[in-house]
């Protein structure tokens, strides 16, 4: 799963995360792809903090808000990113 922070004004990617490049620790009781998505959300929120971004718009790209999409949102929120 790829998670990106995109500046809508310029159309450029500010930061991105690939869930396959993350360690699988720190996801609580989540397992498998849900854990990877949660950690991707946490990591993208961490990159946003470094860039002094505190609030974003969460675009699901038409996907339902459950499973991995929900896990990304939870990880980002748990790490301080506001939607």
C-alpha atoms as a PDB file:
ATOM      1  CA  UNK A   1       0.000   0.000   0.000  1.00  0.00           C
ATOM      2  CA  UNK A   2       1.232   3.459  -0.873  1.00  0.00           C
ATOM      3  CA  UNK A   3       0.272   6.518   1.171  1.00  0.00           C
ATOM      4  CA  UNK A   4       1.059   9.997  -0.131  1.00  0.00           C
ATOM      5  CA  UNK A   5       0.825  13.593   1.006  1.00  0.00           C
ATOM      6  CA  UNK A   6       0.051  15.671  -2.078  1.00  0.00           C
ATOM      7  CA  UNK A   7      -0.082  19.458  -2.406  1.00  0.00           C
ATOM      8  CA  UNK A   8      -3.286  20.016  -4.396  1.00  0.00           C
ATOM      9  CA  UNK A   9      -2.227  23.509  -5.416  1.00  0.00           C
ATOM     10  CA  UNK A  10       0.933  22.444  -7.203  1.00  0.00           C
ATOM     11  CA  UNK A  11      -0.017  18.812  -7.823  1.00  0.00           C
ATOM     12  CA  UNK A  12       3.258  17.562  -6.338  1.00  0.00           C
ATOM     13  CA  UNK A  13       3.870  14.756  -3.874  1.00  0.00           C
ATOM     14  CA  UNK A  14       5.291  16.103  -0.621  1.00  0.00           C
ATOM     15  CA  UNK A  15       5.894  12.768   1.128  1.00  0.00           C
ATOM     16  CA  UNK A  16       5.132   9.123   0.469  1.00  0.00           C
ATOM     17  CA  UNK A  17       5.270   5.795   2.269  1.00  0.00           C
ATOM     18  CA  UNK A  18       5.317   2.225   0.978  1.00  0.00           C
ATOM     19  CA  UNK A  19       3.963  -0.189   3.583  1.00  0.00           C
ATOM     20  CA  UNK A  20       6.307  -2.976   2.467  1.00  0.00           C
ATOM     21  CA  UNK A  21       9.334  -0.982   3.621  1.00  0.00           C
ATOM     22  CA  UNK A  22       8.134  -0.742   7.226  1.00  0.00           C
ATOM     23  CA  UNK A  23       8.933  -2.916  10.225  1.00  0.00           C
ATOM     24  CA  UNK A  24       5.953  -4.907  11.429  1.00  0.00           C
ATOM     25  CA  UNK A  25       6.229  -3.887  15.088  1.00  0.00           C
ATOM     26  CA  UNK A  26       4.125  -1.319  16.895  1.00  0.00           C
ATOM     27  CA  UNK A  27       0.768  -2.099  15.294  1.00  0.00           C
ATOM     28  CA  UNK A  28      -0.854  -3.383  18.476  1.00  0.00           C
ATOM     29  CA  UNK A  29      -3.077  -6.400  17.959  1.00  0.00           C
ATOM     30  CA  UNK A  30      -3.390  -5.777  14.195  1.00  0.00           C
ATOM     31  CA  UNK A  31      -1.955  -8.435  11.892  1.00  0.00           C
ATOM     32  CA  UNK A  32      -1.003  -8.837   8.246  1.00  0.00           C
ATOM     33  CA  UNK A  33      -1.959  -6.180   5.747  1.00  0.00           C
ATOM     34  CA  UNK A  34      -4.025  -4.264   8.310  1.00  0.00           C
ATOM     35  CA  UNK A  35      -0.891  -3.880  10.456  1.00  0.00           C
ATOM     36  CA  UNK A  36       1.111  -2.724   7.427  1.00  0.00           C
ATOM     37  CA  UNK A  37      -1.540  -0.120   6.582  1.00  0.00           C
ATOM     38  CA  UNK A  38      -1.659   1.133  10.188  1.00  0.00           C
ATOM     39  CA  UNK A  39       2.119   1.524  10.275  1.00  0.00           C
ATOM     40  CA  UNK A  40       2.046   3.327   6.914  1.00  0.00           C
ATOM     41  CA  UNK A  41      -0.429   5.813   8.390  1.00  0.00           C
ATOM     42  CA  UNK A  42       1.805   6.336  11.415  1.00  0.00           C
ATOM     43  CA  UNK A  43       4.857   6.816   9.211  1.00  0.00           C
ATOM     44  CA  UNK A  44       3.212   9.333   6.886  1.00  0.00           C
ATOM     45  CA  UNK A  45       2.028  11.300   9.945  1.00  0.00           C
ATOM     46  CA  UNK A  46       5.593  11.329  11.233  1.00  0.00           C
ATOM     47  CA  UNK A  47       6.829  12.696   7.900  1.00  0.00           C
ATOM     48  CA  UNK A  48       4.068  15.322   8.020  1.00  0.00           C
ATOM     49  CA  UNK A  49       5.268  16.424  11.478  1.00  0.00           C
ATOM     50  CA  UNK A  50       8.785  16.928  10.124  1.00  0.00           C
ATOM     51  CA  UNK A  51       7.329  19.081   7.332  1.00  0.00           C
ATOM     52  CA  UNK A  52       5.215  20.992   9.905  1.00  0.00           C
ATOM     53  CA  UNK A  53       1.942  19.747   8.399  1.00  0.00           C
ATOM     54  CA  UNK A  54      -0.734  19.224  11.039  1.00  0.00           C
ATOM     55  CA  UNK A  55      -3.972  18.988   9.067  1.00  0.00           C
ATOM     56  CA  UNK A  56      -4.820  17.154   5.831  1.00  0.00           C
ATOM     57  CA  UNK A  57      -7.771  16.039   3.720  1.00  0.00           C
ATOM     58  CA  UNK A  58      -8.106  12.245   3.657  1.00  0.00           C
ATOM     59  CA  UNK A  59      -8.946  11.119   0.120  1.00  0.00           C
ATOM     60  CA  UNK A  60     -10.044   7.477  -0.017  1.00  0.00           C
ATOM     61  CA  UNK A  61     -10.062   7.475  -3.839  1.00  0.00           C
ATOM     62  CA  UNK A  62     -13.528   5.918  -3.853  1.00  0.00           C
ATOM     63  CA  UNK A  63     -12.658   3.032  -1.527  1.00  0.00           C
ATOM     64  CA  UNK A  64     -14.983   2.249   1.375  1.00  0.00           C
ATOM     65  CA  UNK A  65     -13.832   3.331   4.820  1.00  0.00           C
ATOM     66  CA  UNK A  66     -12.978  -0.063   6.321  1.00  0.00           C
ATOM     67  CA  UNK A  67     -10.123  -2.523   6.427  1.00  0.00           C
ATOM     68  CA  UNK A  68      -6.799  -1.153   5.255  1.00  0.00           C
ATOM     69  CA  UNK A  69      -8.155   2.304   4.420  1.00  0.00           C
ATOM     70  CA  UNK A  70      -9.465   2.635   7.968  1.00  0.00           C
ATOM     71  CA  UNK A  71      -6.166   1.341   9.380  1.00  0.00           C
ATOM     72  CA  UNK A  72      -4.199   4.031   7.516  1.00  0.00           C
ATOM     73  CA  UNK A  73      -6.496   6.716   8.943  1.00  0.00           C
ATOM     74  CA  UNK A  74      -6.219   5.304  12.474  1.00  0.00           C
ATOM     75  CA  UNK A  75      -2.428   5.165  12.273  1.00  0.00           C
ATOM     76  CA  UNK A  76      -2.189   8.741  11.042  1.00  0.00           C
ATOM     77  CA  UNK A  77      -4.606  10.011  13.706  1.00  0.00           C
ATOM     78  CA  UNK A  78      -2.814   8.072  16.461  1.00  0.00           C
ATOM     79  CA  UNK A  79       0.388   9.837  15.457  1.00  0.00           C
ATOM     80  CA  UNK A  80      -1.192  13.311  15.590  1.00  0.00           C
ATOM     81  CA  UNK A  81      -2.371  14.075  12.045  1.00  0.00           C
ATOM     82  CA  UNK A  82      -5.713  15.917  11.856  1.00  0.00           C
ATOM     83  CA  UNK A  83      -8.278  15.180   9.131  1.00  0.00           C
END
